[in-house]
Structure formats: C-alpha cells, structure tokens
Amino acid sequence: MPDNPAICATTATLRDWHGQSMLGCLEQWIEDKVEIIPLQEKEARKKWKEALEDLNVASSEKKEAERTINIEVREKNTEVKVLKTQLKRRLMNDAERNKLNTRITLLLTVIDEQKKLLKTSKERLKSSEEKVASSRKLLDTLKAERGSVESSLVADIELLLKRIAIERAAYHGGDFDGAYCRR
C-alpha cells in the first residue's frame, strides 16, 4: 500500500499495483493514516461491504427468478390444464392415457422444482438482508466504542488561526498584512 493516495491517482489505469480502485486506495489510506481505525473495525467494514454486495446479487437474482420462473410456471400450468382436458375424452386407449398422465406428472414436478427455486432465491435475499443488518449493527457498535475522531488537521489550523485573530478571508486569498490581521 503506498503511503500517499496521490500515487494511486498517478497510475495510468484506475487500479493501483494492489488491484484496488483509486477510491479503495484512498479509503484505505484514510483508515490507516488519518483516522487510524482499529483492525477489528476495518474487518467489520469489510464484512459489511461484502454483505451489501451479496445483498445486491441476491436482489437481482430474486428479480430475475421471479420474472422468468413465474412465466415458466404459468406456461406449464396452462399445458397441464390442456392435457387434463384431453384426458377427459372418452375415445382414448390406455397407452395414450398413460402417456398423458406421465406428461402431466412430469410437468407438475417441473412446476414444483421451479417454485422451490423461487422460494430459495427469496430465502437467500432474506438472509442477505439479515447479514447486512447484523454487520451494520456490529460496525456501528465498534464505531461507538472507538468514539469520534479527534479533531482533524484542518480543524486544528482553523482554531489556531481564529485564536490569533486571522479571519478566513485572509488565508484564503486575502493578505495576512491586511485589515483581517491584528498584530
């Protein structure tokens, strides 16, 4: 990990030599050098991010499953109804009846399997949501234990300049010898 996020920004691609994105590189640098986050909290953040990614995948899988499986189930149910109406014909021999019954049984089995797949995708989404909630709760607990970050360098400079009666305009393009400074 480079000591400065500018090293990440100067690379030709959006990936540094560790394979992280520039944003990831910057986040890690802030965690290591600026905020000095404990290892346990870093791990909790990582688990929370992974849980969010898993939730996104589970959500898209559930949407896709609902879209495709529901259509398949409707089609198969319609086919079963058609086959059952054909079974009601009286002028059918036993071989044809057995063939239709086998086909109906096969279709009903496929329908049950499709419904189980849909149920599994819903359960996965629910478990992903619970995982996100628990990992977020752990992260919030660790943040509360750590407390707020001590004042930042920028805030320290602001306070120092205010104590010596230098107004903001003077050090943001103004003149330190001007009307905004008192000696």
C-alpha atoms as a PDB file:
ATOM      1  CA  MET A   1       0.000   0.000   0.000  1.00  0.00           C
ATOM      2  CA  PRO A   2       1.503   3.328  -0.970  1.00  0.00           C
ATOM      3  CA  ASP A   3       1.929   5.927   1.771  1.00  0.00           C
ATOM      4  CA  ASN A   4       0.172   8.566  -0.294  1.00  0.00           C
ATOM      5  CA  PRO A   5      -3.107   8.302  -2.264  1.00  0.00           C
ATOM      6  CA  ALA A   6      -1.597  10.552  -4.935  1.00  0.00           C
ATOM      7  CA  ILE A   7       0.478   7.556  -6.026  1.00  0.00           C
ATOM      8  CA  CYS A   8      -2.753   5.738  -6.805  1.00  0.00           C
ATOM      9  CA  ALA A   9      -4.083   8.736  -8.735  1.00  0.00           C
ATOM     10  CA  THR A  10      -0.984   8.968 -10.919  1.00  0.00           C
ATOM     11  CA  THR A  11      -1.256   5.444 -12.270  1.00  0.00           C
ATOM     12  CA  ALA A  12      -2.213   5.043 -15.905  1.00  0.00           C
ATOM     13  CA  THR A  13      -5.286   2.979 -15.057  1.00  0.00           C
ATOM     14  CA  LEU A  14      -7.844   3.253 -12.299  1.00  0.00           C
ATOM     15  CA  ARG A  15      -6.155   0.367 -10.490  1.00  0.00           C
ATOM     16  CA  ASP A  16      -3.005   0.576  -8.420  1.00  0.00           C
ATOM     17  CA  TRP A  17      -0.455  -2.181  -8.131  1.00  0.00           C
ATOM     18  CA  HIS A  18      -2.532  -3.916  -5.430  1.00  0.00           C
ATOM     19  CA  GLY A  19      -5.544  -4.216  -7.717  1.00  0.00           C
ATOM     20  CA  GLN A  20      -7.610  -1.734  -5.713  1.00  0.00           C
ATOM     21  CA  SER A  21      -9.623   1.064  -7.213  1.00  0.00           C
ATOM     22  CA  MET A  22      -8.470   4.603  -6.587  1.00  0.00           C
ATOM     23  CA  LEU A  23     -11.363   5.110  -4.205  1.00  0.00           C
ATOM     24  CA  GLY A  24     -10.473   1.930  -2.329  1.00  0.00           C
ATOM     25  CA  CYS A  25      -6.856   3.036  -2.152  1.00  0.00           C
ATOM     26  CA  LEU A  26      -7.900   6.417  -0.771  1.00  0.00           C
ATOM     27  CA  GLU A  27     -10.265   4.832   1.755  1.00  0.00           C
ATOM     28  CA  GLN A  28      -7.547   2.516   2.995  1.00  0.00           C
ATOM     29  CA  TRP A  29      -5.043   5.380   3.261  1.00  0.00           C
ATOM     30  CA  ILE A  30      -7.558   7.436   5.261  1.00  0.00           C
ATOM     31  CA  GLU A  31      -8.253   4.462   7.531  1.00  0.00           C
ATOM     32  CA  ASP A  32      -4.526   3.823   8.072  1.00  0.00           C
ATOM     33  CA  LYS A  33      -3.054   7.308   8.223  1.00  0.00           C
ATOM     34  CA  VAL A  34      -5.799   9.798   9.045  1.00  0.00           C
ATOM     35  CA  GLU A  35      -8.492   8.133  11.131  1.00  0.00           C
ATOM     36  CA  ILE A  36      -6.321   5.276  12.417  1.00  0.00           C
ATOM     37  CA  ILE A  37      -9.166   2.774  12.558  1.00  0.00           C
ATOM     38  CA  PRO A  38      -8.650  -0.373  14.655  1.00  0.00           C
ATOM     39  CA  LEU A  39      -8.229  -3.662  12.810  1.00  0.00           C
ATOM     40  CA  GLN A  40     -11.458  -5.079  14.228  1.00  0.00           C
ATOM     41  CA  GLU A  41     -13.449  -2.139  12.831  1.00  0.00           C
ATOM     42  CA  LYS A  42     -11.726  -2.472   9.448  1.00  0.00           C
ATOM     43  CA  GLU A  43     -12.783  -6.116   9.327  1.00  0.00           C
ATOM     44  CA  ALA A  44     -16.340  -5.156  10.300  1.00  0.00           C
ATOM     45  CA  ARG A  45     -16.392  -2.579   7.474  1.00  0.00           C
ATOM     46  CA  LYS A  46     -15.111  -5.163   5.031  1.00  0.00           C
ATOM     47  CA  LYS A  47     -17.787  -7.667   6.119  1.00  0.00           C
ATOM     48  CA  TRP A  48     -20.474  -5.002   5.828  1.00  0.00           C
ATOM     49  CA  LYS A  49     -19.367  -4.096   2.295  1.00  0.00           C
ATOM     50  CA  GLU A  50     -19.297  -7.774   1.326  1.00  0.00           C
ATOM     51  CA  ALA A  51     -22.783  -8.193   2.813  1.00  0.00           C
ATOM     52  CA  LEU A  52     -24.021  -5.246   0.739  1.00  0.00           C
ATOM     53  CA  GLU A  53     -22.559  -6.760  -2.425  1.00  0.00           C
ATOM     54  CA  ASP A  54     -24.147 -10.107  -1.577  1.00  0.00           C
ATOM     55  CA  LEU A  55     -27.470  -8.348  -0.996  1.00  0.00           C
ATOM     56  CA  ASN A  56     -27.272  -6.689  -4.415  1.00  0.00           C
ATOM     57  CA  VAL A  57     -26.547 -10.025  -6.081  1.00  0.00           C
ATOM     58  CA  ALA A  58     -29.339 -11.782  -4.180  1.00  0.00           C
ATOM     59  CA  SER A  59     -31.770  -8.999  -5.027  1.00  0.00           C
ATOM     60  CA  SER A  60     -31.007  -9.142  -8.741  1.00  0.00           C
ATOM     61  CA  GLU A  61     -31.185 -12.957  -8.703  1.00  0.00           C
ATOM     62  CA  LYS A  62     -34.583 -12.819  -6.998  1.00  0.00           C
ATOM     63  CA  LYS A  63     -35.916 -10.310  -9.516  1.00  0.00           C
ATOM     64  CA  GLU A  64     -34.640 -12.414 -12.397  1.00  0.00           C
ATOM     65  CA  ALA A  65     -36.059 -15.594 -10.850  1.00  0.00           C
ATOM     66  CA  GLU A  66     -39.451 -14.004 -10.304  1.00  0.00           C
ATOM     67  CA  ARG A  67     -39.521 -12.738 -13.845  1.00  0.00           C
ATOM     68  CA  THR A  68     -38.513 -15.983 -15.549  1.00  0.00           C
ATOM     69  CA  ILE A  69     -39.843 -18.628 -13.175  1.00  0.00           C
ATOM     70  CA  ASN A  70     -43.308 -17.124 -12.879  1.00  0.00           C
ATOM     71  CA  ILE A  71     -43.624 -17.123 -16.658  1.00  0.00           C
ATOM     72  CA  GLU A  72     -42.464 -20.744 -16.869  1.00  0.00           C
ATOM     73  CA  VAL A  73     -44.842 -21.828 -14.104  1.00  0.00           C
ATOM     74  CA  ARG A  74     -47.784 -20.137 -15.833  1.00  0.00           C
ATOM     75  CA  GLU A  75     -46.898 -21.806 -19.137  1.00  0.00           C
ATOM     76  CA  LYS A  76     -46.539 -25.226 -17.515  1.00  0.00           C
ATOM     77  CA  ASN A  77     -49.823 -24.820 -15.596  1.00  0.00           C
ATOM     78  CA  THR A  78     -51.583 -23.954 -18.837  1.00  0.00           C
ATOM     79  CA  GLU A  79     -50.094 -27.013 -20.500  1.00  0.00           C
ATOM     80  CA  VAL A  80     -51.234 -29.205 -17.590  1.00  0.00           C
ATOM     81  CA  LYS A  81     -54.785 -27.849 -17.925  1.00  0.00           C
ATOM     82  CA  VAL A  82     -54.799 -28.613 -21.638  1.00  0.00           C
ATOM     83  CA  LEU A  83     -53.525 -32.164 -21.006  1.00  0.00           C
ATOM     84  CA  LYS A  84     -56.143 -32.731 -18.295  1.00  0.00           C
ATOM     85  CA  THR A  85     -58.907 -31.684 -20.665  1.00  0.00           C
ATOM     86  CA  GLN A  86     -57.521 -34.142 -23.223  1.00  0.00           C
ATOM     87  CA  LEU A  87     -57.654 -36.893 -20.571  1.00  0.00           C
ATOM     88  CA  LYS A  88     -61.393 -36.370 -20.223  1.00  0.00           C
ATOM     89  CA  ARG A  89     -62.001 -37.598 -23.768  1.00  0.00           C
ATOM     90  CA  ARG A  90     -63.662 -40.983 -23.786  1.00  0.00           C
ATOM     91  CA  LEU A  91     -62.272 -42.272 -27.056  1.00  0.00           C
ATOM     92  CA  MET A  92     -58.706 -42.725 -25.794  1.00  0.00           C
ATOM     93  CA  ASN A  93     -56.883 -46.003 -25.273  1.00  0.00           C
ATOM     94  CA  ASP A  94     -54.864 -46.853 -22.151  1.00  0.00           C
ATOM     95  CA  ALA A  95     -51.476 -46.232 -23.802  1.00  0.00           C
ATOM     96  CA  GLU A  96     -52.466 -42.679 -24.711  1.00  0.00           C
ATOM     97  CA  ARG A  97     -53.890 -42.098 -21.205  1.00  0.00           C
ATOM     98  CA  ASN A  98     -50.667 -43.331 -19.600  1.00  0.00           C
ATOM     99  CA  LYS A  99     -48.633 -41.105 -21.907  1.00  0.00           C
ATOM    100  CA  LEU A 100     -50.724 -38.036 -20.952  1.00  0.00           C
ATOM    101  CA  ASN A 101     -50.578 -38.911 -17.230  1.00  0.00           C
ATOM    102  CA  THR A 102     -46.800 -39.260 -17.446  1.00  0.00           C
ATOM    103  CA  ARG A 103     -46.539 -35.916 -19.196  1.00  0.00           C
ATOM    104  CA  ILE A 104     -48.775 -34.250 -16.552  1.00  0.00           C
ATOM    105  CA  THR A 105     -46.710 -35.761 -13.744  1.00  0.00           C
ATOM    106  CA  LEU A 106     -43.508 -34.544 -15.357  1.00  0.00           C
ATOM    107  CA  LEU A 107     -44.910 -31.031 -15.785  1.00  0.00           C
ATOM    108  CA  LEU A 108     -46.140 -30.918 -12.176  1.00  0.00           C
ATOM    109  CA  THR A 109     -42.676 -31.990 -10.995  1.00  0.00           C
ATOM    110  CA  VAL A 110     -41.061 -29.234 -13.072  1.00  0.00           C
ATOM    111  CA  ILE A 111     -43.535 -26.704 -11.609  1.00  0.00           C
ATOM    112  CA  ASP A 112     -42.692 -27.803  -8.053  1.00  0.00           C
ATOM    113  CA  GLU A 113     -38.963 -27.515  -8.740  1.00  0.00           C
ATOM    114  CA  GLN A 114     -39.409 -24.033 -10.208  1.00  0.00           C
ATOM    115  CA  LYS A 115     -41.390 -22.941  -7.149  1.00  0.00           C
ATOM    116  CA  LYS A 116     -38.655 -24.313  -4.887  1.00  0.00           C
ATOM    117  CA  LEU A 117     -36.051 -22.307  -6.834  1.00  0.00           C
ATOM    118  CA  LEU A 118     -38.107 -19.159  -6.394  1.00  0.00           C
ATOM    119  CA  LYS A 119     -38.503 -19.858  -2.679  1.00  0.00           C
ATOM    120  CA  THR A 120     -34.744 -20.435  -2.365  1.00  0.00           C
ATOM    121  CA  SER A 121     -33.970 -17.109  -4.037  1.00  0.00           C
ATOM    122  CA  LYS A 122     -36.372 -15.330  -1.659  1.00  0.00           C
ATOM    123  CA  GLU A 123     -34.753 -17.029   1.338  1.00  0.00           C
ATOM    124  CA  ARG A 124     -31.297 -16.041   0.118  1.00  0.00           C
ATOM    125  CA  LEU A 125     -32.421 -12.435  -0.202  1.00  0.00           C
ATOM    126  CA  LYS A 126     -33.847 -12.505   3.309  1.00  0.00           C
ATOM    127  CA  SER A 127     -30.655 -13.992   4.765  1.00  0.00           C
ATOM    128  CA  SER A 128     -28.603 -11.378   2.883  1.00  0.00           C
ATOM    129  CA  GLU A 129     -30.726  -8.610   4.360  1.00  0.00           C
ATOM    130  CA  GLU A 130     -30.233 -10.058   7.840  1.00  0.00           C
ATOM    131  CA  LYS A 131     -26.488 -10.316   7.225  1.00  0.00           C
ATOM    132  CA  VAL A 132     -26.331  -6.649   6.176  1.00  0.00           C
ATOM    133  CA  ALA A 133     -28.306  -5.601   9.249  1.00  0.00           C
ATOM    134  CA  SER A 134     -26.142  -7.598  11.663  1.00  0.00           C
ATOM    135  CA  SER A 135     -22.864  -6.472  10.089  1.00  0.00           C
ATOM    136  CA  ARG A 136     -24.040  -2.849  10.124  1.00  0.00           C
ATOM    137  CA  LYS A 137     -25.024  -3.178  13.777  1.00  0.00           C
ATOM    138  CA  LEU A 138     -21.585  -4.577  14.623  1.00  0.00           C
ATOM    139  CA  LEU A 139     -19.889  -1.760  12.711  1.00  0.00           C
ATOM    140  CA  ASP A 140     -21.981   0.876  14.495  1.00  0.00           C
ATOM    141  CA  THR A 141     -21.151  -0.714  17.849  1.00  0.00           C
ATOM    142  CA  LEU A 142     -17.423  -0.681  17.080  1.00  0.00           C
ATOM    143  CA  LYS A 143     -17.616   2.940  15.910  1.00  0.00           C
ATOM    144  CA  ALA A 144     -19.399   3.913  19.116  1.00  0.00           C
ATOM    145  CA  GLU A 145     -16.754   2.119  21.206  1.00  0.00           C
ATOM    146  CA  ARG A 146     -13.956   3.910  19.374  1.00  0.00           C
ATOM    147  CA  GLY A 147     -15.641   7.272  19.742  1.00  0.00           C
ATOM    148  CA  SER A 148     -15.382  10.182  17.412  1.00  0.00           C
ATOM    149  CA  VAL A 149     -12.159  11.011  15.699  1.00  0.00           C
ATOM    150  CA  GLU A 150     -10.056  13.634  17.329  1.00  0.00           C
ATOM    151  CA  SER A 151     -10.049  16.945  15.590  1.00  0.00           C
ATOM    152  CA  SER A 152      -8.590  16.896  12.140  1.00  0.00           C
ATOM    153  CA  LEU A 153      -5.617  18.866  10.948  1.00  0.00           C
ATOM    154  CA  VAL A 154      -7.867  21.291   9.073  1.00  0.00           C
ATOM    155  CA  ALA A 155      -9.959  21.942  12.188  1.00  0.00           C
ATOM    156  CA  ASP A 156      -6.795  22.457  14.245  1.00  0.00           C
ATOM    157  CA  ILE A 157      -5.492  25.036  11.760  1.00  0.00           C
ATOM    158  CA  GLU A 158      -8.868  26.806  11.720  1.00  0.00           C
ATOM    159  CA  LEU A 159      -8.847  27.056  15.542  1.00  0.00           C
ATOM    160  CA  LEU A 160      -5.253  28.248  15.655  1.00  0.00           C
ATOM    161  CA  LEU A 161      -5.873  30.988  13.099  1.00  0.00           C
ATOM    162  CA  LYS A 162      -9.054  32.047  14.877  1.00  0.00           C
ATOM    163  CA  ARG A 163      -7.182  32.274  18.202  1.00  0.00           C
ATOM    164  CA  ILE A 164      -4.639  34.651  16.706  1.00  0.00           C
ATOM    165  CA  ALA A 165      -7.448  36.743  15.158  1.00  0.00           C
ATOM    166  CA  ILE A 166      -6.929  35.847  11.494  1.00  0.00           C
ATOM    167  CA  GLU A 167     -10.226  35.668   9.647  1.00  0.00           C
ATOM    168  CA  ARG A 168     -10.915  33.072   6.994  1.00  0.00           C
ATOM    169  CA  ALA A 169     -10.753  35.525   4.082  1.00  0.00           C
ATOM    170  CA  ALA A 170      -7.174  36.465   4.925  1.00  0.00           C
ATOM    171  CA  TYR A 171      -5.762  32.996   4.469  1.00  0.00           C
ATOM    172  CA  HIS A 172      -7.966  32.105   1.508  1.00  0.00           C
ATOM    173  CA  GLY A 173      -6.536  34.532  -0.970  1.00  0.00           C
ATOM    174  CA  GLY A 174      -6.525  37.620   1.213  1.00  0.00           C
ATOM    175  CA  ASP A 175      -3.493  39.390   2.653  1.00  0.00           C
ATOM    176  CA  PHE A 176      -2.012  38.441   6.018  1.00  0.00           C
ATOM    177  CA  ASP A 177      -0.810  42.022   6.432  1.00  0.00           C
ATOM    178  CA  GLY A 178      -4.211  43.488   5.584  1.00  0.00           C
ATOM    179  CA  ALA A 179      -7.209  44.537   7.595  1.00  0.00           C
ATOM    180  CA  TYR A 180      -8.017  40.969   8.631  1.00  0.00           C
ATOM    181  CA  CYS A 181      -4.884  40.565  10.747  1.00  0.00           C
ATOM    182  CA  ARG A 182      -4.102  42.249  14.008  1.00  0.00           C
ATOM    183  CA  ARG A 183      -0.643  42.356  15.437  1.00  0.00           C
END
